[in-house]
PDB file of N, CA and C in Angstrom:
ATOM      1  N   UNK A   1       0.846  -1.174   0.000  1.00  0.00           N
ATOM      2  CA  UNK A   1       0.000   0.000   0.000  1.00  0.00           C
ATOM      3  C   UNK A   1       0.890   1.236   0.000  1.00  0.00           C
ATOM      4  N   UNK A   2       0.611   2.215  -0.805  1.00  0.00           N
ATOM      5  CA  UNK A   2       1.403   3.437  -0.842  1.00  0.00           C
ATOM      6  C   UNK A   2       1.349   4.173   0.490  1.00  0.00           C
ATOM      7  N   UNK A   3       2.443   4.851   0.824  1.00  0.00           N
ATOM      8  CA  UNK A   3       2.537   5.563   2.102  1.00  0.00           C
ATOM      9  C   UNK A   3       1.453   6.616   2.251  1.00  0.00           C
ATOM     10  N   UNK A   4       1.036   7.226   1.160  1.00  0.00           N
ATOM     11  CA  UNK A   4       0.023   8.272   1.228  1.00  0.00           C
ATOM     12  C   UNK A   4      -1.273   7.735   1.843  1.00  0.00           C
ATOM     13  N   UNK A   5      -1.677   6.527   1.485  1.00  0.00           N
ATOM     14  CA  UNK A   5      -2.892   5.944   2.027  1.00  0.00           C
ATOM     15  C   UNK A   5      -2.746   5.659   3.519  1.00  0.00           C
ATOM     16  N   UNK A   6      -1.576   5.257   3.954  1.00  0.00           N
ATOM     17  CA  UNK A   6      -1.329   4.983   5.366  1.00  0.00           C
ATOM     18  C   UNK A   6      -1.485   6.254   6.189  1.00  0.00           C
ATOM     19  N   UNK A   7      -1.000   7.385   5.685  1.00  0.00           N
ATOM     20  CA  UNK A   7      -1.105   8.654   6.415  1.00  0.00           C
ATOM     21  C   UNK A   7      -2.551   9.074   6.601  1.00  0.00           C
ATOM     22  N   UNK A   8      -3.404   8.747   5.652  1.00  0.00           N
ATOM     23  CA  UNK A   8      -4.790   9.173   5.696  1.00  0.00           C
ATOM     24  C   UNK A   8      -5.644   8.331   6.636  1.00  0.00           C
ATOM     25  N   UNK A   9      -5.137   7.244   7.133  1.00  0.00           N
ATOM     26  CA  UNK A   9      -5.907   6.363   8.002  1.00  0.00           C
ATOM     27  C   UNK A   9      -5.968   6.901   9.430  1.00  0.00           C
ATOM     28  N   UNK A  10      -7.101   6.709  10.056  1.00  0.00           N
ATOM     29  CA  UNK A  10      -7.243   7.014  11.476  1.00  0.00           C
ATOM     30  C   UNK A  10      -6.652   5.837  12.238  1.00  0.00           C
ATOM     31  N   UNK A  11      -5.780   6.119  13.179  1.00  0.00           N
ATOM     32  CA  UNK A  11      -5.111   5.068  13.951  1.00  0.00           C
ATOM     33  C   UNK A  11      -5.783   4.931  15.306  1.00  0.00           C
ATOM     34  N   UNK A  12      -6.183   3.708  15.634  1.00  0.00           N
ATOM     35  CA  UNK A  12      -6.836   3.419  16.901  1.00  0.00           C
ATOM     36  C   UNK A  12      -5.974   2.410  17.646  1.00  0.00           C
ATOM     37  N   UNK A  13      -5.456   2.838  18.794  1.00  0.00           N
ATOM     38  CA  UNK A  13      -4.598   1.970  19.611  1.00  0.00           C
ATOM     39  C   UNK A  13      -5.468   1.131  20.540  1.00  0.00           C
ATOM     40  N   UNK A  14      -5.255  -0.191  20.498  1.00  0.00           N
ATOM     41  CA  UNK A  14      -6.056  -1.132  21.280  1.00  0.00           C
ATOM     42  C   UNK A  14      -5.118  -1.898  22.206  1.00  0.00           C
ATOM     43  N   UNK A  15      -5.325  -1.773  23.514  1.00  0.00           N
ATOM     44  CA  UNK A  15      -4.479  -2.462  24.490  1.00  0.00           C
ATOM     45  C   UNK A  15      -5.195  -3.702  24.988  1.00  0.00           C
ATOM     46  N   UNK A  16      -4.505  -4.844  24.949  1.00  0.00           N
ATOM     47  CA  UNK A  16      -5.069  -6.070  25.495  1.00  0.00           C
ATOM     48  C   UNK A  16      -4.407  -6.331  26.844  1.00  0.00           C
ATOM     49  N   UNK A  17      -5.236  -6.435  27.862  1.00  0.00           N
ATOM     50  CA  UNK A  17      -4.756  -6.671  29.219  1.00  0.00           C
ATOM     51  C   UNK A  17      -5.181  -8.069  29.640  1.00  0.00           C
ATOM     52  N   UNK A  18      -4.195  -8.929  29.825  1.00  0.00           N
ATOM     53  CA  UNK A  18      -4.458 -10.286  30.287  1.00  0.00           C
ATOM     54  C   UNK A  18      -3.143 -10.856  30.818  1.00  0.00           C
ATOM     55  N   UNK A  19      -3.225 -11.898  31.625  1.00  0.00           N
ATOM     56  CA  UNK A  19      -2.004 -12.496  32.166  1.00  0.00           C
ATOM     57  C   UNK A  19      -1.168 -13.180  31.076  1.00  0.00           C
ATOM     58  N   UNK A  20       0.095 -13.323  31.361  1.00  0.00           N
ATOM     59  CA  UNK A  20       1.029 -13.921  30.418  1.00  0.00           C
ATOM     60  C   UNK A  20       0.737 -15.364  30.072  1.00  0.00           C
ATOM     61  N   UNK A  21       0.005 -16.086  30.950  1.00  0.00           N
ATOM     62  CA  UNK A  21      -0.276 -17.492  30.646  1.00  0.00           C
ATOM     63  C   UNK A  21      -1.356 -17.651  29.572  1.00  0.00           C
ATOM     64  N   UNK A  22      -1.823 -16.545  29.022  1.00  0.00           N
ATOM     65  CA  UNK A  22      -2.790 -16.590  27.923  1.00  0.00           C
ATOM     66  C   UNK A  22      -2.114 -16.230  26.596  1.00  0.00           C
ATOM     67  N   UNK A  23      -0.848 -16.606  26.451  1.00  0.00           N
ATOM     68  CA  UNK A  23      -0.079 -16.260  25.250  1.00  0.00           C
ATOM     69  C   UNK A  23      -0.773 -16.682  23.953  1.00  0.00           C
ATOM     70  N   UNK A  24      -1.334 -17.897  23.854  1.00  0.00           N
ATOM     71  CA  UNK A  24      -2.002 -18.265  22.594  1.00  0.00           C
ATOM     72  C   UNK A  24      -3.196 -17.350  22.288  1.00  0.00           C
ATOM     73  N   UNK A  25      -3.947 -17.002  23.310  1.00  0.00           N
ATOM     74  CA  UNK A  25      -5.098 -16.117  23.120  1.00  0.00           C
ATOM     75  C   UNK A  25      -4.655 -14.708  22.719  1.00  0.00           C
ATOM     76  N   UNK A  26      -3.548 -14.257  23.280  1.00  0.00           N
ATOM     77  CA  UNK A  26      -3.016 -12.931  22.942  1.00  0.00           C
ATOM     78  C   UNK A  26      -2.557 -12.903  21.487  1.00  0.00           C
ATOM     79  N   UNK A  27      -1.923 -13.983  21.030  1.00  0.00           N
ATOM     80  CA  UNK A  27      -1.515 -14.078  19.618  1.00  0.00           C
ATOM     81  C   UNK A  27      -2.747 -14.076  18.712  1.00  0.00           C
ATOM     82  N   UNK A  28      -3.782 -14.810  19.112  1.00  0.00           N
ATOM     83  CA  UNK A  28      -5.013 -14.857  18.332  1.00  0.00           C
ATOM     84  C   UNK A  28      -5.635 -13.470  18.237  1.00  0.00           C
ATOM     85  N   UNK A  29      -5.612 -12.723  19.320  1.00  0.00           N
ATOM     86  CA  UNK A  29      -6.129 -11.355  19.327  1.00  0.00           C
ATOM     87  C   UNK A  29      -5.381 -10.503  18.304  1.00  0.00           C
ATOM     88  N   UNK A  30      -4.057 -10.564  18.336  1.00  0.00           N
ATOM     89  CA  UNK A  30      -3.259  -9.757  17.404  1.00  0.00           C
ATOM     90  C   UNK A  30      -3.474 -10.197  15.957  1.00  0.00           C
ATOM     91  N   UNK A  31      -3.621 -11.493  15.728  1.00  0.00           N
ATOM     92  CA  UNK A  31      -3.916 -11.978  14.377  1.00  0.00           C
ATOM     93  C   UNK A  31      -5.277 -11.466  13.916  1.00  0.00           C
ATOM     94  N   UNK A  32      -6.243 -11.433  14.832  1.00  0.00           N
ATOM     95  CA  UNK A  32      -7.566 -10.909  14.510  1.00  0.00           C
ATOM     96  C   UNK A  32      -7.519  -9.432  14.149  1.00  0.00           C
ATOM     97  N   UNK A  33      -6.704  -8.669  14.869  1.00  0.00           N
ATOM     98  CA  UNK A  33      -6.539  -7.246  14.569  1.00  0.00           C
ATOM     99  C   UNK A  33      -5.925  -7.076  13.177  1.00  0.00           C
ATOM    100  N   UNK A  34      -4.927  -7.897  12.856  1.00  0.00           N
ATOM    101  CA  UNK A  34      -4.303  -7.831  11.527  1.00  0.00           C
ATOM    102  C   UNK A  34      -5.333  -8.120  10.435  1.00  0.00           C
ATOM    103  N   UNK A  35      -6.157  -9.129  10.655  1.00  0.00           N
ATOM    104  CA  UNK A  35      -7.192  -9.481   9.681  1.00  0.00           C
ATOM    105  C   UNK A  35      -8.218  -8.355   9.549  1.00  0.00           C
ATOM    106  N   UNK A  36      -8.596  -7.777  10.667  1.00  0.00           N
ATOM    107  CA  UNK A  36      -9.532  -6.654  10.660  1.00  0.00           C
ATOM    108  C   UNK A  36      -8.962  -5.479   9.870  1.00  0.00           C
ATOM    109  N   UNK A  37      -7.674  -5.206  10.055  1.00  0.00           N
ATOM    110  CA  UNK A  37      -7.025  -4.119   9.318  1.00  0.00           C
ATOM    111  C   UNK A  37      -7.038  -4.367   7.812  1.00  0.00           C
ATOM    112  N   UNK A  38      -6.808  -5.621   7.425  1.00  0.00           N
ATOM    113  CA  UNK A  38      -6.772  -5.950   5.989  1.00  0.00           C
ATOM    114  C   UNK A  38      -8.152  -5.863   5.351  1.00  0.00           C
ATOM    115  N   UNK A  39      -9.184  -6.104   6.100  1.00  0.00           N
ATOM    116  CA  UNK A  39     -10.536  -6.072   5.548  1.00  0.00           C
ATOM    117  C   UNK A  39     -11.225  -4.753   5.848  1.00  0.00           C
ATOM    118  N   UNK A  40     -11.873  -4.701   6.980  1.00  0.00           N
ATOM    119  CA  UNK A  40     -12.636  -3.522   7.378  1.00  0.00           C
ATOM    120  C   UNK A  40     -11.763  -2.277   7.443  1.00  0.00           C
ATOM    121  N   UNK A  41     -10.599  -2.384   8.052  1.00  0.00           N
ATOM    122  CA  UNK A  41      -9.727  -1.224   8.244  1.00  0.00           C
ATOM    123  C   UNK A  41      -9.346  -0.554   6.943  1.00  0.00           C
ATOM    124  N   UNK A  42      -8.991  -1.348   5.937  1.00  0.00           N
ATOM    125  CA  UNK A  42      -8.631  -0.774   4.636  1.00  0.00           C
ATOM    126  C   UNK A  42      -9.809  -0.028   4.024  1.00  0.00           C
ATOM    127  N   UNK A  43     -10.976  -0.632   4.080  1.00  0.00           N
ATOM    128  CA  UNK A  43     -12.154  -0.018   3.479  1.00  0.00           C
ATOM    129  C   UNK A  43     -12.633   1.215   4.218  1.00  0.00           C
ATOM    130  N   UNK A  44     -12.428   1.246   5.533  1.00  0.00           N
ATOM    131  CA  UNK A  44     -12.909   2.364   6.352  1.00  0.00           C
ATOM    132  C   UNK A  44     -11.815   3.380   6.652  1.00  0.00           C
ATOM    133  N   UNK A  45     -10.624   3.175   6.107  1.00  0.00           N
ATOM    134  CA  UNK A  45      -9.479   4.061   6.352  1.00  0.00           C
ATOM    135  C   UNK A  45      -9.147   4.153   7.836  1.00  0.00           C
ATOM    136  N   UNK A  46      -9.149   2.974   8.482  1.00  0.00           N
ATOM    137  CA  UNK A  46      -8.822   2.864   9.909  1.00  0.00           C
ATOM    138  C   UNK A  46      -7.713   1.827  10.057  1.00  0.00           C
ATOM    139  N   UNK A  47      -6.789   2.099  10.950  1.00  0.00           N
ATOM    140  CA  UNK A  47      -5.760   1.117  11.297  1.00  0.00           C
ATOM    141  C   UNK A  47      -5.813   0.886  12.798  1.00  0.00           C
ATOM    142  N   UNK A  48      -6.094  -0.352  13.183  1.00  0.00           N
ATOM    143  CA  UNK A  48      -6.085  -0.723  14.592  1.00  0.00           C
ATOM    144  C   UNK A  48      -4.672  -1.168  14.949  1.00  0.00           C
ATOM    145  N   UNK A  49      -4.159  -0.642  16.047  1.00  0.00           N
ATOM    146  CA  UNK A  49      -2.797  -0.961  16.480  1.00  0.00           C
ATOM    147  C   UNK A  49      -2.879  -1.735  17.787  1.00  0.00           C
ATOM    148  N   UNK A  50      -2.582  -3.034  17.747  1.00  0.00           N
ATOM    149  CA  UNK A  50      -2.657  -3.834  18.970  1.00  0.00           C
ATOM    150  C   UNK A  50      -1.426  -3.617  19.849  1.00  0.00           C
ATOM    151  N   UNK A  51      -1.655  -3.448  21.125  1.00  0.00           N
ATOM    152  CA  UNK A  51      -0.573  -3.276  22.091  1.00  0.00           C
ATOM    153  C   UNK A  51      -0.839  -4.156  23.299  1.00  0.00           C
ATOM    154  N   UNK A  52       0.232  -4.578  23.950  1.00  0.00           N
ATOM    155  CA  UNK A  52       0.120  -5.378  25.169  1.00  0.00           C
ATOM    156  C   UNK A  52       1.344  -5.176  26.027  1.00  0.00           C
ATOM    157  N   UNK A  53       1.299  -5.728  27.220  1.00  0.00           N
ATOM    158  CA  UNK A  53       2.422  -5.539  28.140  1.00  0.00           C
ATOM    159  C   UNK A  53       3.709  -6.118  27.564  1.00  0.00           C
ATOM    160  N   UNK A  54       3.607  -7.154  26.744  1.00  0.00           N
ATOM    161  CA  UNK A  54       4.830  -7.739  26.167  1.00  0.00           C
ATOM    162  C   UNK A  54       5.514  -6.773  25.216  1.00  0.00           C
ATOM    163  N   UNK A  55       4.752  -5.839  24.632  1.00  0.00           N
ATOM    164  CA  UNK A  55       5.367  -4.815  23.784  1.00  0.00           C
ATOM    165  C   UNK A  55       6.210  -3.866  24.630  1.00  0.00           C
ATOM    166  N   UNK A  56       5.751  -3.576  25.822  1.00  0.00           N
ATOM    167  CA  UNK A  56       6.514  -2.730  26.741  1.00  0.00           C
ATOM    168  C   UNK A  56       7.775  -3.472  27.189  1.00  0.00           C
ATOM    169  N   UNK A  57       7.643  -4.749  27.462  1.00  0.00           N
ATOM    170  CA  UNK A  57       8.785  -5.560  27.875  1.00  0.00           C
ATOM    171  C   UNK A  57       9.858  -5.554  26.791  1.00  0.00           C
ATOM    172  N   UNK A  58       9.439  -5.683  25.544  1.00  0.00           N
ATOM    173  CA  UNK A  58      10.385  -5.714  24.428  1.00  0.00           C
ATOM    174  C   UNK A  58      11.111  -4.384  24.258  1.00  0.00           C
ATOM    175  N   UNK A  59      10.425  -3.275  24.524  1.00  0.00           N
ATOM    176  CA  UNK A  59      11.050  -1.968  24.297  1.00  0.00           C
ATOM    177  C   UNK A  59      11.882  -1.487  25.487  1.00  0.00           C
ATOM    178  N   UNK A  60      11.596  -1.979  26.687  1.00  0.00           N
ATOM    179  CA  UNK A  60      12.312  -1.495  27.866  1.00  0.00           C
ATOM    180  C   UNK A  60      13.270  -2.527  28.460  1.00  0.00           C
ATOM    181  N   UNK A  61      13.066  -3.802  28.110  1.00  0.00           N
ATOM    182  CA  UNK A  61      13.886  -4.850  28.697  1.00  0.00           C
ATOM    183  C   UNK A  61      13.421  -5.252  30.088  1.00  0.00           C
ATOM    184  N   UNK A  62      12.339  -4.646  30.543  1.00  0.00           N
ATOM    185  CA  UNK A  62      11.791  -4.984  31.862  1.00  0.00           C
ATOM    186  C   UNK A  62      10.293  -4.712  31.852  1.00  0.00           C
ATOM    187  N   UNK A  63       9.601  -5.332  32.774  1.00  0.00           N
ATOM    188  CA  UNK A  63       8.153  -5.125  32.872  1.00  0.00           C
ATOM    189  C   UNK A  63       7.894  -4.191  34.041  1.00  0.00           C
ATOM    190  N   UNK A  64       7.566  -2.968  33.739  1.00  0.00           N
ATOM    191  CA  UNK A  64       7.334  -1.958  34.761  1.00  0.00           C
ATOM    192  C   UNK A  64       5.880  -1.508  34.646  1.00  0.00           C
ATOM    193  N   UNK A  65       5.105  -1.743  35.705  1.00  0.00           N
ATOM    194  CA  UNK A  65       3.678  -1.443  35.660  1.00  0.00           C
ATOM    195  C   UNK A  65       3.400   0.026  35.358  1.00  0.00           C
ATOM    196  N   UNK A  66       4.232   0.921  35.842  1.00  0.00           N
ATOM    197  CA  UNK A  66       4.024   2.349  35.575  1.00  0.00           C
ATOM    198  C   UNK A  66       4.069   2.630  34.073  1.00  0.00           C
ATOM    199  N   UNK A  67       5.020   2.026  33.368  1.00  0.00           N
ATOM    200  CA  UNK A  67       5.113   2.211  31.915  1.00  0.00           C
ATOM    201  C   UNK A  67       3.913   1.603  31.206  1.00  0.00           C
ATOM    202  N   UNK A  68       3.474   0.454  31.686  1.00  0.00           N
ATOM    203  CA  UNK A  68       2.295  -0.189  31.099  1.00  0.00           C
ATOM    204  C   UNK A  68       1.078   0.708  31.294  1.00  0.00           C
ATOM    205  N   UNK A  69       0.909   1.258  32.483  1.00  0.00           N
ATOM    206  CA  UNK A  69      -0.221   2.144  32.766  1.00  0.00           C
ATOM    207  C   UNK A  69      -0.187   3.377  31.872  1.00  0.00           C
ATOM    208  N   UNK A  70       0.985   3.931  31.636  1.00  0.00           N
ATOM    209  CA  UNK A  70       1.106   5.088  30.750  1.00  0.00           C
ATOM    210  C   UNK A  70       0.691   4.721  29.326  1.00  0.00           C
ATOM    211  N   UNK A  71       1.072   3.544  28.881  1.00  0.00           N
ATOM    212  CA  UNK A  71       0.709   3.090  27.543  1.00  0.00           C
ATOM    213  C   UNK A  71      -0.801   2.898  27.432  1.00  0.00           C
ATOM    214  N   UNK A  72      -1.403   2.326  28.458  1.00  0.00           N
ATOM    215  CA  UNK A  72      -2.858   2.139  28.470  1.00  0.00           C
ATOM    216  C   UNK A  72      -3.562   3.491  28.336  1.00  0.00           C
ATOM    217  N   UNK A  73      -3.047   4.500  29.014  1.00  0.00           N
ATOM    218  CA  UNK A  73      -3.662   5.827  28.955  1.00  0.00           C
ATOM    219  C   UNK A  73      -3.656   6.432  27.556  1.00  0.00           C
ATOM    220  N   UNK A  74      -2.738   5.981  26.690  1.00  0.00           N
ATOM    221  CA  UNK A  74      -2.680   6.517  25.330  1.00  0.00           C
ATOM    222  C   UNK A  74      -3.584   5.761  24.372  1.00  0.00           C
ATOM    223  N   UNK A  75      -4.165   4.657  24.831  1.00  0.00           N
ATOM    224  CA  UNK A  75      -4.999   3.826  23.958  1.00  0.00           C
ATOM    225  C   UNK A  75      -6.428   4.331  23.894  1.00  0.00           C
ATOM    226  N   UNK A  76      -7.089   3.931  22.812  1.00  0.00           N
ATOM    227  CA  UNK A  76      -8.482   4.313  22.596  1.00  0.00           C
ATOM    228  C   UNK A  76      -9.398   3.344  23.274  1.00  0.00           C
TER     229      UNK A  76
END
């Protein structure tokens, strides 16, 4: 998809909050968001951005609840 179309999309950040022992369900959620983006999102000019605590862990190298809470506050 050309970059111009990506800029025109409304971005909606979606945070999934669940314990780490639900890893398969969390992957399924993110796969569902990807599928939604390819179908409905493309047609409606919306991009859903899935986020979770593991994304914070990957970017900081540690799991800090304060950082997770800040990320949740930025989500729709």
